[in-house]
C-alpha atoms as a PDB file:
ATOM      1  CA  UNK A   1     175.713 -89.842 131.693  1.00  0.00           C
ATOM      2  CA  UNK A   2     179.087 -89.534 129.955  1.00  0.00           C
ATOM      3  CA  UNK A   3     181.940 -91.358 131.691  1.00  0.00           C
ATOM      4  CA  UNK A   4     184.955 -89.033 131.446  1.00  0.00           C
ATOM      5  CA  UNK A   5     187.447 -91.209 133.308  1.00  0.00           C
ATOM      6  CA  UNK A   6     190.941 -91.810 131.967  1.00  0.00           C
ATOM      7  CA  UNK A   7     193.407 -94.252 133.505  1.00  0.00           C
ATOM      8  CA  UNK A   8     196.173 -91.936 134.673  1.00  0.00           C
ATOM      9  CA  UNK A   9     198.025 -88.673 134.142  1.00  0.00           C
ATOM     10  CA  UNK A  10     199.844 -89.962 131.069  1.00  0.00           C
ATOM     11  CA  UNK A  11     196.542 -90.693 129.349  1.00  0.00           C
ATOM     12  CA  UNK A  12     195.058 -87.429 130.591  1.00  0.00           C
ATOM     13  CA  UNK A  13     197.703 -85.248 128.919  1.00  0.00           C
ATOM     14  CA  UNK A  14     197.367 -87.035 125.573  1.00  0.00           C
ATOM     15  CA  UNK A  15     197.064 -84.398 122.868  1.00  0.00           C
ATOM     16  CA  UNK A  16     199.164 -81.743 124.603  1.00  0.00           C
ATOM     17  CA  UNK A  17     201.795 -80.787 122.053  1.00  0.00           C
ATOM     18  CA  UNK A  18     204.869 -78.606 122.001  1.00  0.00           C
ATOM     19  CA  UNK A  19     204.056 -74.936 121.541  1.00  0.00           C
ATOM     20  CA  UNK A  20     200.610 -75.120 123.148  1.00  0.00           C
ATOM     21  CA  UNK A  21     199.196 -72.849 125.851  1.00  0.00           C
ATOM     22  CA  UNK A  22     198.102 -74.554 129.058  1.00  0.00           C
ATOM     23  CA  UNK A  23     196.534 -73.341 132.308  1.00  0.00           C
ATOM     24  CA  UNK A  24     197.588 -74.962 135.571  1.00  0.00           C
ATOM     25  CA  UNK A  25     195.598 -74.487 138.758  1.00  0.00           C
ATOM     26  CA  UNK A  26     196.880 -73.980 142.261  1.00  0.00           C
ATOM     27  CA  UNK A  27     197.955 -71.227 144.604  1.00  0.00           C
ATOM     28  CA  UNK A  28     201.626 -71.388 145.493  1.00  0.00           C
ATOM     29  CA  UNK A  29     202.044 -75.121 146.003  1.00  0.00           C
ATOM     30  CA  UNK A  30     198.491 -75.574 147.283  1.00  0.00           C
ATOM     31  CA  UNK A  31     196.173 -77.460 144.958  1.00  0.00           C
ATOM     32  CA  UNK A  32     198.584 -77.901 142.070  1.00  0.00           C
ATOM     33  CA  UNK A  33     197.986 -80.825 139.666  1.00  0.00           C
ATOM     34  CA  UNK A  34     201.076 -82.730 140.762  1.00  0.00           C
ATOM     35  CA  UNK A  35     200.446 -85.893 138.749  1.00  0.00           C
ATOM     36  CA  UNK A  36     199.902 -84.102 135.446  1.00  0.00           C
ATOM     37  CA  UNK A  37     202.918 -81.852 135.983  1.00  0.00           C
ATOM     38  CA  UNK A  38     205.077 -84.929 136.591  1.00  0.00           C
ATOM     39  CA  UNK A  39     203.671 -86.543 133.439  1.00  0.00           C
ATOM     40  CA  UNK A  40     204.608 -83.441 131.442  1.00  0.00           C
ATOM     41  CA  UNK A  41     208.106 -83.523 132.950  1.00  0.00           C
ATOM     42  CA  UNK A  42     208.480 -87.145 131.786  1.00  0.00           C
ATOM     43  CA  UNK A  43     207.402 -86.208 128.255  1.00  0.00           C
ATOM     44  CA  UNK A  44     209.346 -84.523 125.469  1.00  0.00           C
ATOM     45  CA  UNK A  45     206.809 -81.674 125.226  1.00  0.00           C
ATOM     46  CA  UNK A  46     208.485 -78.255 125.113  1.00  0.00           C
ATOM     47  CA  UNK A  47     208.005 -74.586 124.166  1.00  0.00           C
ATOM     48  CA  UNK A  48     204.914 -74.397 126.366  1.00  0.00           C
ATOM     49  CA  UNK A  49     203.177 -71.191 127.380  1.00  0.00           C
ATOM     50  CA  UNK A  50     202.011 -71.756 130.948  1.00  0.00           C
ATOM     51  CA  UNK A  51     199.325 -69.709 132.684  1.00  0.00           C
ATOM     52  CA  UNK A  52     199.577 -70.152 136.445  1.00  0.00           C
ATOM     53  CA  UNK A  53     199.426 -67.971 139.525  1.00  0.00           C
ATOM     54  CA  UNK A  54     203.063 -68.806 140.225  1.00  0.00           C
ATOM     55  CA  UNK A  55     205.915 -70.891 138.848  1.00  0.00           C
ATOM     56  CA  UNK A  56     206.364 -73.402 141.654  1.00  0.00           C
ATOM     57  CA  UNK A  57     209.681 -73.793 143.476  1.00  0.00           C
ATOM     58  CA  UNK A  58     213.004 -75.022 142.160  1.00  0.00           C
ATOM     59  CA  UNK A  59     212.433 -78.726 142.813  1.00  0.00           C
ATOM     60  CA  UNK A  60     208.651 -79.026 142.781  1.00  0.00           C
ATOM     61  CA  UNK A  61     205.635 -78.063 140.708  1.00  0.00           C
ATOM     62  CA  UNK A  62     206.251 -75.995 137.581  1.00  0.00           C
ATOM     63  CA  UNK A  63     209.845 -75.543 138.721  1.00  0.00           C
ATOM     64  CA  UNK A  64     210.487 -79.055 137.401  1.00  0.00           C
ATOM     65  CA  UNK A  65     209.343 -78.028 133.910  1.00  0.00           C
ATOM     66  CA  UNK A  66     211.511 -74.916 134.088  1.00  0.00           C
ATOM     67  CA  UNK A  67     214.596 -76.965 134.929  1.00  0.00           C
ATOM     68  CA  UNK A  68     214.021 -79.084 131.821  1.00  0.00           C
ATOM     69  CA  UNK A  69     213.538 -75.939 129.693  1.00  0.00           C
ATOM     70  CA  UNK A  70     210.059 -77.098 128.682  1.00  0.00           C
ATOM     71  CA  UNK A  71     208.430 -73.705 129.286  1.00  0.00           C
ATOM     72  CA  UNK A  72     208.907 -70.945 126.726  1.00  0.00           C
ATOM     73  CA  UNK A  73     206.679 -68.355 128.387  1.00  0.00           C
ATOM     74  CA  UNK A  74     205.154 -67.892 131.847  1.00  0.00           C
ATOM     75  CA  UNK A  75     202.048 -65.802 132.443  1.00  0.00           C
ATOM     76  CA  UNK A  76     201.909 -65.394 136.207  1.00  0.00           C
ATOM     77  CA  UNK A  77     201.210 -63.120 139.124  1.00  0.00           C
ATOM     78  CA  UNK A  78     203.652 -64.184 141.850  1.00  0.00           C
ATOM     79  CA  UNK A  79     207.034 -65.706 141.011  1.00  0.00           C
ATOM     80  CA  UNK A  80     209.170 -64.991 144.043  1.00  0.00           C
ATOM     81  CA  UNK A  81     210.007 -68.512 145.238  1.00  0.00           C
ATOM     82  CA  UNK A  82     211.898 -69.883 142.255  1.00  0.00           C
ATOM     83  CA  UNK A  83     215.593 -69.117 141.719  1.00  0.00           C
ATOM     84  CA  UNK A  84     215.705 -70.911 138.354  1.00  0.00           C
ATOM     85  CA  UNK A  85     212.753 -68.849 137.157  1.00  0.00           C
ATOM     86  CA  UNK A  86     214.623 -65.691 138.127  1.00  0.00           C
ATOM     87  CA  UNK A  87     217.779 -66.846 136.358  1.00  0.00           C
ATOM     88  CA  UNK A  88     215.969 -67.715 133.128  1.00  0.00           C
ATOM     89  CA  UNK A  89     213.979 -64.481 133.164  1.00  0.00           C
ATOM     90  CA  UNK A  90     217.009 -62.235 133.733  1.00  0.00           C
ATOM     91  CA  UNK A  91     219.063 -64.090 131.109  1.00  0.00           C
ATOM     92  CA  UNK A  92     216.294 -63.782 128.522  1.00  0.00           C
ATOM     93  CA  UNK A  93     215.802 -67.539 128.229  1.00  0.00           C
ATOM     94  CA  UNK A  94     212.214 -67.283 129.465  1.00  0.00           C
ATOM     95  CA  UNK A  95     209.467 -64.921 128.322  1.00  0.00           C
ATOM     96  CA  UNK A  96     207.511 -63.559 131.281  1.00  0.00           C
ATOM     97  CA  UNK A  97     204.185 -61.745 131.363  1.00  0.00           C
ATOM     98  CA  UNK A  98     203.522 -60.527 134.892  1.00  0.00           C
ATOM     99  CA  UNK A  99     199.827 -59.928 135.530  1.00  0.00           C
ATOM    100  CA  UNK A 100     198.050 -58.465 138.585  1.00  0.00           C
ATOM    101  CA  UNK A 101     196.572 -61.358 140.541  1.00  0.00           C
ATOM    102  CA  UNK A 102     192.972 -60.189 140.283  1.00  0.00           C
ATOM    103  CA  UNK A 103     193.359 -59.590 136.561  1.00  0.00           C
ATOM    104  CA  UNK A 104     194.865 -63.058 136.128  1.00  0.00           C
ATOM    105  CA  UNK A 105     191.887 -64.617 137.900  1.00  0.00           C
ATOM    106  CA  UNK A 106     189.390 -62.582 135.886  1.00  0.00           C
ATOM    107  CA  UNK A 107     191.074 -63.427 132.570  1.00  0.00           C
ATOM    108  CA  UNK A 108     190.550 -67.089 133.497  1.00  0.00           C
ATOM    109  CA  UNK A 109     186.964 -66.552 134.654  1.00  0.00           C
ATOM    110  CA  UNK A 110     186.126 -64.549 131.537  1.00  0.00           C
ATOM    111  CA  UNK A 111     187.392 -67.384 129.351  1.00  0.00           C
ATOM    112  CA  UNK A 112     185.346 -69.836 131.434  1.00  0.00           C
ATOM    113  CA  UNK A 113     182.196 -67.729 130.951  1.00  0.00           C
ATOM    114  CA  UNK A 114     182.763 -67.027 127.262  1.00  0.00           C
ATOM    115  CA  UNK A 115     183.391 -63.310 127.823  1.00  0.00           C
ATOM    116  CA  UNK A 116     186.018 -62.089 125.320  1.00  0.00           C
ATOM    117  CA  UNK A 117     187.296 -59.054 127.258  1.00  0.00           C
ATOM    118  CA  UNK A 118     186.686 -56.710 130.168  1.00  0.00           C
ATOM    119  CA  UNK A 119     187.861 -53.396 131.627  1.00  0.00           C
ATOM    120  CA  UNK A 120     189.770 -53.105 134.896  1.00  0.00           C
ATOM    121  CA  UNK A 121     191.555 -50.255 136.690  1.00  0.00           C
ATOM    122  CA  UNK A 122     194.326 -52.611 137.851  1.00  0.00           C
ATOM    123  CA  UNK A 123     197.622 -51.827 136.171  1.00  0.00           C
ATOM    124  CA  UNK A 124     196.692 -48.435 134.740  1.00  0.00           C
ATOM    125  CA  UNK A 125     199.713 -46.136 134.636  1.00  0.00           C
ATOM    126  CA  UNK A 126     202.177 -49.033 134.737  1.00  0.00           C
ATOM    127  CA  UNK A 127     203.915 -51.243 132.174  1.00  0.00           C
ATOM    128  CA  UNK A 128     200.917 -53.570 132.412  1.00  0.00           C
ATOM    129  CA  UNK A 129     198.828 -51.005 130.503  1.00  0.00           C
ATOM    130  CA  UNK A 130     201.268 -50.411 127.639  1.00  0.00           C
ATOM    131  CA  UNK A 131     199.609 -50.814 124.256  1.00  0.00           C
ATOM    132  CA  UNK A 132     196.161 -51.466 125.719  1.00  0.00           C
ATOM    133  CA  UNK A 133     192.952 -49.544 125.169  1.00  0.00           C
ATOM    134  CA  UNK A 134     191.959 -47.189 128.007  1.00  0.00           C
ATOM    135  CA  UNK A 135     188.457 -45.942 128.837  1.00  0.00           C
ATOM    136  CA  UNK A 136     187.088 -43.839 131.667  1.00  0.00           C
ATOM    137  CA  UNK A 137     184.289 -45.175 133.844  1.00  0.00           C
ATOM    138  CA  UNK A 138     182.915 -42.791 136.497  1.00  0.00           C
ATOM    139  CA  UNK A 139     185.988 -40.634 136.026  1.00  0.00           C
ATOM    140  CA  UNK A 140     188.419 -43.491 136.604  1.00  0.00           C
ATOM    141  CA  UNK A 141     190.653 -44.911 133.820  1.00  0.00           C
ATOM    142  CA  UNK A 142     190.349 -48.616 133.063  1.00  0.00           C
ATOM    143  CA  UNK A 143     192.405 -50.768 130.700  1.00  0.00           C
ATOM    144  CA  UNK A 144     191.005 -53.402 128.364  1.00  0.00           C
ATOM    145  CA  UNK A 145     192.080 -56.944 129.155  1.00  0.00           C
ATOM    146  CA  UNK A 146     191.317 -59.939 126.959  1.00  0.00           C
ATOM    147  CA  UNK A 147     190.277 -63.355 128.213  1.00  0.00           C
ATOM    148  CA  UNK A 148     192.881 -66.086 128.003  1.00  0.00           C
ATOM    149  CA  UNK A 149     192.892 -68.477 125.059  1.00  0.00           C
ATOM    150  CA  UNK A 150     194.325 -71.813 126.167  1.00  0.00           C
ATOM    151  CA  UNK A 151     194.462 -75.244 124.573  1.00  0.00           C
ATOM    152  CA  UNK A 152     194.327 -77.201 127.833  1.00  0.00           C
ATOM    153  CA  UNK A 153     193.420 -76.417 131.417  1.00  0.00           C
ATOM    154  CA  UNK A 154     194.742 -78.743 134.114  1.00  0.00           C
ATOM    155  CA  UNK A 155     193.104 -78.504 137.537  1.00  0.00           C
ATOM    156  CA  UNK A 156     193.247 -80.440 140.790  1.00  0.00           C
ATOM    157  CA  UNK A 157     190.202 -81.109 142.986  1.00  0.00           C
ATOM    158  CA  UNK A 158     189.526 -82.874 146.262  1.00  0.00           C
ATOM    159  CA  UNK A 159     186.670 -85.034 145.002  1.00  0.00           C
ATOM    160  CA  UNK A 160     185.113 -85.731 141.620  1.00  0.00           C
ATOM    161  CA  UNK A 161     182.794 -88.185 139.934  1.00  0.00           C
ATOM    162  CA  UNK A 162     182.926 -90.033 136.635  1.00  0.00           C
ATOM    163  CA  UNK A 163     180.918 -87.262 134.935  1.00  0.00           C
ATOM    164  CA  UNK A 164     183.500 -84.612 135.846  1.00  0.00           C
ATOM    165  CA  UNK A 165     181.657 -82.846 138.686  1.00  0.00           C
ATOM    166  CA  UNK A 166     184.240 -81.366 141.066  1.00  0.00           C
ATOM    167  CA  UNK A 167     184.525 -80.337 144.710  1.00  0.00           C
ATOM    168  CA  UNK A 168     187.514 -78.318 145.881  1.00  0.00           C
ATOM    169  CA  UNK A 169     188.799 -78.081 149.424  1.00  0.00           C
ATOM    170  CA  UNK A 170     190.005 -74.952 151.191  1.00  0.00           C
ATOM    171  CA  UNK A 171     192.553 -72.739 149.445  1.00  0.00           C
ATOM    172  CA  UNK A 172     192.920 -75.237 146.593  1.00  0.00           C
ATOM    173  CA  UNK A 173     189.685 -73.797 145.184  1.00  0.00           C
ATOM    174  CA  UNK A 174     191.305 -70.465 144.214  1.00  0.00           C
ATOM    175  CA  UNK A 175     192.671 -70.652 140.651  1.00  0.00           C
ATOM    176  CA  UNK A 176     191.448 -74.188 140.035  1.00  0.00           C
ATOM    177  CA  UNK A 177     187.851 -72.982 140.048  1.00  0.00           C
ATOM    178  CA  UNK A 178     188.096 -70.246 137.355  1.00  0.00           C
ATOM    179  CA  UNK A 179     190.431 -72.347 135.189  1.00  0.00           C
ATOM    180  CA  UNK A 180     188.031 -75.293 134.928  1.00  0.00           C
ATOM    181  CA  UNK A 181     186.250 -74.942 131.606  1.00  0.00           C
ATOM    182  CA  UNK A 182     188.423 -71.986 130.571  1.00  0.00           C
ATOM    183  CA  UNK A 183     190.281 -73.870 127.821  1.00  0.00           C
ATOM    184  CA  UNK A 184     189.388 -76.069 124.878  1.00  0.00           C
ATOM    185  CA  UNK A 185     189.963 -79.176 127.008  1.00  0.00           C
ATOM    186  CA  UNK A 186     189.922 -79.356 130.813  1.00  0.00           C
ATOM    187  CA  UNK A 187     191.718 -82.154 132.650  1.00  0.00           C
ATOM    188  CA  UNK A 188     190.883 -82.742 136.311  1.00  0.00           C
ATOM    189  CA  UNK A 189     192.917 -84.860 138.662  1.00  0.00           C
ATOM    190  CA  UNK A 190     191.238 -85.626 141.982  1.00  0.00           C
ATOM    191  CA  UNK A 191     192.186 -87.173 145.295  1.00  0.00           C
ATOM    192  CA  UNK A 192     189.003 -89.236 145.369  1.00  0.00           C
ATOM    193  CA  UNK A 193     186.985 -90.352 142.344  1.00  0.00           C
ATOM    194  CA  UNK A 194     183.462 -91.650 142.992  1.00  0.00           C
ATOM    195  CA  UNK A 195     180.504 -92.895 140.900  1.00  0.00           C
ATOM    196  CA  UNK A 196     177.799 -90.399 139.862  1.00  0.00           C
ATOM    197  CA  UNK A 197     175.314 -89.734 142.656  1.00  0.00           C
ATOM    198  CA  UNK A 198     177.899 -89.958 145.434  1.00  0.00           C
ATOM    199  CA  UNK A 199     178.523 -86.204 145.574  1.00  0.00           C
ATOM    200  CA  UNK A 200     176.049 -83.878 147.247  1.00  0.00           C
ATOM    201  CA  UNK A 201     174.748 -81.634 144.415  1.00  0.00           C
ATOM    202  CA  UNK A 202     174.704 -78.694 146.831  1.00  0.00           C
ATOM    203  CA  UNK A 203     178.454 -79.006 147.386  1.00  0.00           C
ATOM    204  CA  UNK A 204     179.597 -79.247 143.772  1.00  0.00           C
ATOM    205  CA  UNK A 205     181.754 -76.283 142.741  1.00  0.00           C
ATOM    206  CA  UNK A 206     182.279 -77.124 139.057  1.00  0.00           C
ATOM    207  CA  UNK A 207     179.670 -78.998 136.971  1.00  0.00           C
ATOM    208  CA  UNK A 208     180.876 -81.860 134.840  1.00  0.00           C
ATOM    209  CA  UNK A 209     180.009 -80.076 131.590  1.00  0.00           C
ATOM    210  CA  UNK A 210     183.195 -78.021 132.079  1.00  0.00           C
ATOM    211  CA  UNK A 211     185.470 -81.072 132.354  1.00  0.00           C
ATOM    212  CA  UNK A 212     186.478 -83.420 129.531  1.00  0.00           C
ATOM    213  CA  UNK A 213     188.878 -85.801 131.332  1.00  0.00           C
ATOM    214  CA  UNK A 214     189.154 -86.913 134.950  1.00  0.00           C
ATOM    215  CA  UNK A 215     191.277 -89.386 136.895  1.00  0.00           C
ATOM    216  CA  UNK A 216     192.229 -90.211 140.461  1.00  0.00           C
ATOM    217  CA  UNK A 217     195.743 -89.071 141.257  1.00  0.00           C
ATOM    218  CA  UNK A 218     198.165 -90.727 143.634  1.00  0.00           C
ATOM    219  CA  UNK A 219     201.067 -89.952 145.955  1.00  0.00           C
ATOM    220  CA  UNK A 220     200.269 -86.307 146.602  1.00  0.00           C
ATOM    221  CA  UNK A 221     203.171 -84.656 148.384  1.00  0.00           C
ATOM    222  CA  UNK A 222     201.299 -81.435 149.235  1.00  0.00           C
ATOM    223  CA  UNK A 223     204.351 -79.418 150.158  1.00  0.00           C
ATOM    224  CA  UNK A 224     204.257 -76.229 152.204  1.00  0.00           C
ATOM    225  CA  UNK A 225     205.860 -73.377 150.277  1.00  0.00           C
ATOM    226  CA  UNK A 226     207.162 -71.539 153.330  1.00  0.00           C
ATOM    227  CA  UNK A 227     206.920 -73.219 156.702  1.00  0.00           C
ATOM    228  CA  UNK A 228     206.730 -70.862 159.682  1.00  0.00           C
ATOM    229  CA  UNK A 229     206.762 -72.235 163.192  1.00  0.00           C
ATOM    230  CA  UNK A 230     206.276 -70.560 166.525  1.00  0.00           C
ATOM    231  CA  UNK A 231     209.329 -70.224 168.752  1.00  0.00           C
ATOM    232  CA  UNK A 232     209.167 -72.208 171.974  1.00  0.00           C
END
């Protein structure tokens, strides 16, 4: 069995170069690959195209890369929690491709499955459909969407083994699951890394064949994007 372990986040991101396209898992701040994002922040890599459900917040997650002007283009669905993102977008400093959330997920899943394109009704009649092929299915117009083409995919899982098998926990499964295996190279950071045979095969969400590098992360902050508490 191939041992896919690397020492840390710095070693995991080796090969990511300026101008590349990378996927980053997570939903809001849940399940984001914190260690790899911090390693990218500490690097001199820039002009990245980032595919992610959202752009983090001003002082955490992808927001840290935005503050250092390391991101050239964001392909996202929800971007409402980041003031710096808004400033860069409105000033023209940042290219933004807003994508319906379901379409974003399917463009990842299609890339993971080796499907080059698909039709969806989402976005028809809006700016999302401009310049795209339209076909009718059962009397309903659908637009053609192409699968993503990314150089690296960076995901975060709860548990993993040396062979790259992954188990996600709760909401962190969302975009991490379809992004694993959806790029040329997939990097997985996990909270707990165990030897092969330790994971229950019935609980594995992503098989190791979809992962090229894996390491055990550390010091996960796991912030809450918007904390709401009940009044006493």
